[in-house]
């Protein structure tokens, strides 16, 4: 079984990495041509929404009962996978 505190710290560190990645994407969008800039901004808005949802899930996990913890962890893993894929897709398009 995964230790809750360790897991939450690991997820917080990953979210910090997301913040750094979003800063990189923002910098790329600033130097893009007008038509690409709008696409970048739309994609970044979707990424920020997913990121915020993950942050909310993590906050809920912090306060969850032991009974709910494992189910919430599984939900977080699923959300994390989807958001990570979205980040990788965005980076591949922005290169």
C-alpha atoms as a PDB file:
ATOM      1  CA  UNK A   1       0.000   0.000   0.000  1.00  0.00           C
ATOM      2  CA  UNK A   2       1.227   3.462  -0.873  1.00  0.00           C
ATOM      3  CA  UNK A   3       2.014   5.814   1.997  1.00  0.00           C
ATOM      4  CA  UNK A   4      -0.342   8.797   1.775  1.00  0.00           C
ATOM      5  CA  UNK A   5       2.143  11.470   2.808  1.00  0.00           C
ATOM      6  CA  UNK A   6       4.824  10.212   0.414  1.00  0.00           C
ATOM      7  CA  UNK A   7       2.333   9.963  -2.428  1.00  0.00           C
ATOM      8  CA  UNK A   8       0.990  13.482  -1.867  1.00  0.00           C
ATOM      9  CA  UNK A   9       4.514  14.933  -1.720  1.00  0.00           C
ATOM     10  CA  UNK A  10       5.382  13.117  -4.953  1.00  0.00           C
ATOM     11  CA  UNK A  11       2.284  14.522  -6.670  1.00  0.00           C
ATOM     12  CA  UNK A  12       3.037  18.040  -5.410  1.00  0.00           C
ATOM     13  CA  UNK A  13       6.534  17.773  -6.897  1.00  0.00           C
ATOM     14  CA  UNK A  14       5.072  16.653 -10.218  1.00  0.00           C
ATOM     15  CA  UNK A  15       2.680  19.599 -10.179  1.00  0.00           C
ATOM     16  CA  UNK A  16       5.641  21.913  -9.633  1.00  0.00           C
ATOM     17  CA  UNK A  17       7.182  20.358 -12.751  1.00  0.00           C
ATOM     18  CA  UNK A  18       3.928  21.081 -14.602  1.00  0.00           C
ATOM     19  CA  UNK A  19       4.187  24.714 -13.547  1.00  0.00           C
ATOM     20  CA  UNK A  20       7.687  24.898 -15.017  1.00  0.00           C
ATOM     21  CA  UNK A  21       6.476  23.209 -18.202  1.00  0.00           C
ATOM     22  CA  UNK A  22       3.602  25.675 -18.482  1.00  0.00           C
ATOM     23  CA  UNK A  23       6.096  28.538 -18.181  1.00  0.00           C
ATOM     24  CA  UNK A  24       8.083  27.054 -21.069  1.00  0.00           C
ATOM     25  CA  UNK A  25       4.944  26.721 -23.184  1.00  0.00           C
ATOM     26  CA  UNK A  26       3.974  30.285 -22.338  1.00  0.00           C
ATOM     27  CA  UNK A  27       7.368  31.521 -23.507  1.00  0.00           C
ATOM     28  CA  UNK A  28       6.995  29.614 -26.778  1.00  0.00           C
ATOM     29  CA  UNK A  29       3.535  31.038 -27.333  1.00  0.00           C
ATOM     30  CA  UNK A  30       4.839  34.577 -26.823  1.00  0.00           C
ATOM     31  CA  UNK A  31       7.230  34.210 -29.739  1.00  0.00           C
ATOM     32  CA  UNK A  32       4.773  32.432 -32.055  1.00  0.00           C
ATOM     33  CA  UNK A  33       3.099  33.927 -35.070  1.00  0.00           C
ATOM     34  CA  UNK A  34      -0.433  35.232 -34.545  1.00  0.00           C
ATOM     35  CA  UNK A  35      -2.272  32.174 -35.895  1.00  0.00           C
ATOM     36  CA  UNK A  36      -0.161  29.748 -33.881  1.00  0.00           C
ATOM     37  CA  UNK A  37      -0.276  31.965 -30.811  1.00  0.00           C
ATOM     38  CA  UNK A  38      -4.036  31.528 -30.517  1.00  0.00           C
ATOM     39  CA  UNK A  39      -3.706  27.744 -30.827  1.00  0.00           C
ATOM     40  CA  UNK A  40      -1.032  27.735 -28.132  1.00  0.00           C
ATOM     41  CA  UNK A  41      -3.183  29.827 -25.825  1.00  0.00           C
ATOM     42  CA  UNK A  42      -6.225  27.596 -26.318  1.00  0.00           C
ATOM     43  CA  UNK A  43      -4.189  24.474 -25.618  1.00  0.00           C
ATOM     44  CA  UNK A  44      -2.622  26.084 -22.558  1.00  0.00           C
ATOM     45  CA  UNK A  45      -6.053  27.042 -21.232  1.00  0.00           C
ATOM     46  CA  UNK A  46      -7.144  23.393 -21.469  1.00  0.00           C
ATOM     47  CA  UNK A  47      -3.951  22.278 -19.754  1.00  0.00           C
ATOM     48  CA  UNK A  48      -4.479  24.781 -16.946  1.00  0.00           C
ATOM     49  CA  UNK A  49      -8.028  23.473 -16.414  1.00  0.00           C
ATOM     50  CA  UNK A  50      -6.740  19.914 -16.153  1.00  0.00           C
ATOM     51  CA  UNK A  51      -3.968  21.049 -13.857  1.00  0.00           C
ATOM     52  CA  UNK A  52      -6.442  22.814 -11.573  1.00  0.00           C
ATOM     53  CA  UNK A  53      -8.665  19.722 -11.448  1.00  0.00           C
ATOM     54  CA  UNK A  54      -5.652  17.642 -10.417  1.00  0.00           C
ATOM     55  CA  UNK A  55      -4.773  20.176  -7.711  1.00  0.00           C
ATOM     56  CA  UNK A  56      -8.321  19.989  -6.346  1.00  0.00           C
ATOM     57  CA  UNK A  57      -8.187  16.196  -6.314  1.00  0.00           C
ATOM     58  CA  UNK A  58      -4.897  16.316  -4.454  1.00  0.00           C
ATOM     59  CA  UNK A  59      -6.338  18.718  -1.873  1.00  0.00           C
ATOM     60  CA  UNK A  60      -9.290  16.383  -1.369  1.00  0.00           C
ATOM     61  CA  UNK A  61      -6.937  13.434  -0.983  1.00  0.00           C
ATOM     62  CA  UNK A  62      -5.063  15.225   1.764  1.00  0.00           C
ATOM     63  CA  UNK A  63      -8.241  15.430   3.827  1.00  0.00           C
ATOM     64  CA  UNK A  64      -9.771  12.070   2.847  1.00  0.00           C
ATOM     65  CA  UNK A  65     -10.527   9.327   5.309  1.00  0.00           C
ATOM     66  CA  UNK A  66      -8.481   6.143   5.177  1.00  0.00           C
ATOM     67  CA  UNK A  67     -11.474   4.347   3.681  1.00  0.00           C
ATOM     68  CA  UNK A  68     -11.691   6.805   0.780  1.00  0.00           C
ATOM     69  CA  UNK A  69      -7.945   7.225   0.305  1.00  0.00           C
ATOM     70  CA  UNK A  70      -7.300   4.225  -1.965  1.00  0.00           C
ATOM     71  CA  UNK A  71     -10.217   5.012  -4.287  1.00  0.00           C
ATOM     72  CA  UNK A  72      -9.132   8.634  -4.498  1.00  0.00           C
ATOM     73  CA  UNK A  73      -5.560   7.589  -5.251  1.00  0.00           C
ATOM     74  CA  UNK A  74      -6.767   5.466  -8.154  1.00  0.00           C
ATOM     75  CA  UNK A  75      -8.827   8.384  -9.453  1.00  0.00           C
ATOM     76  CA  UNK A  76      -5.820  10.668  -9.152  1.00  0.00           C
ATOM     77  CA  UNK A  77      -3.661   8.204 -11.083  1.00  0.00           C
ATOM     78  CA  UNK A  78      -6.207   8.156 -13.896  1.00  0.00           C
ATOM     79  CA  UNK A  79      -6.453  11.952 -13.986  1.00  0.00           C
ATOM     80  CA  UNK A  80      -2.671  12.229 -13.816  1.00  0.00           C
ATOM     81  CA  UNK A  81      -2.234   9.921 -16.804  1.00  0.00           C
ATOM     82  CA  UNK A  82      -4.705  11.945 -18.882  1.00  0.00           C
ATOM     83  CA  UNK A  83      -3.113  15.261 -17.971  1.00  0.00           C
ATOM     84  CA  UNK A  84       0.415  13.972 -18.551  1.00  0.00           C
ATOM     85  CA  UNK A  85      -0.626  12.796 -22.002  1.00  0.00           C
ATOM     86  CA  UNK A  86      -2.127  16.218 -22.728  1.00  0.00           C
ATOM     87  CA  UNK A  87       1.135  17.897 -21.680  1.00  0.00           C
ATOM     88  CA  UNK A  88       3.197  15.606 -23.887  1.00  0.00           C
ATOM     89  CA  UNK A  89       0.849  16.198 -26.823  1.00  0.00           C
ATOM     90  CA  UNK A  90       1.087  19.953 -26.312  1.00  0.00           C
ATOM     91  CA  UNK A  91       4.876  19.892 -26.175  1.00  0.00           C
ATOM     92  CA  UNK A  92       5.088  17.840 -29.350  1.00  0.00           C
ATOM     93  CA  UNK A  93       2.859  20.336 -31.171  1.00  0.00           C
ATOM     94  CA  UNK A  94       4.701  23.372 -29.851  1.00  0.00           C
ATOM     95  CA  UNK A  95       8.154  22.240 -30.983  1.00  0.00           C
END
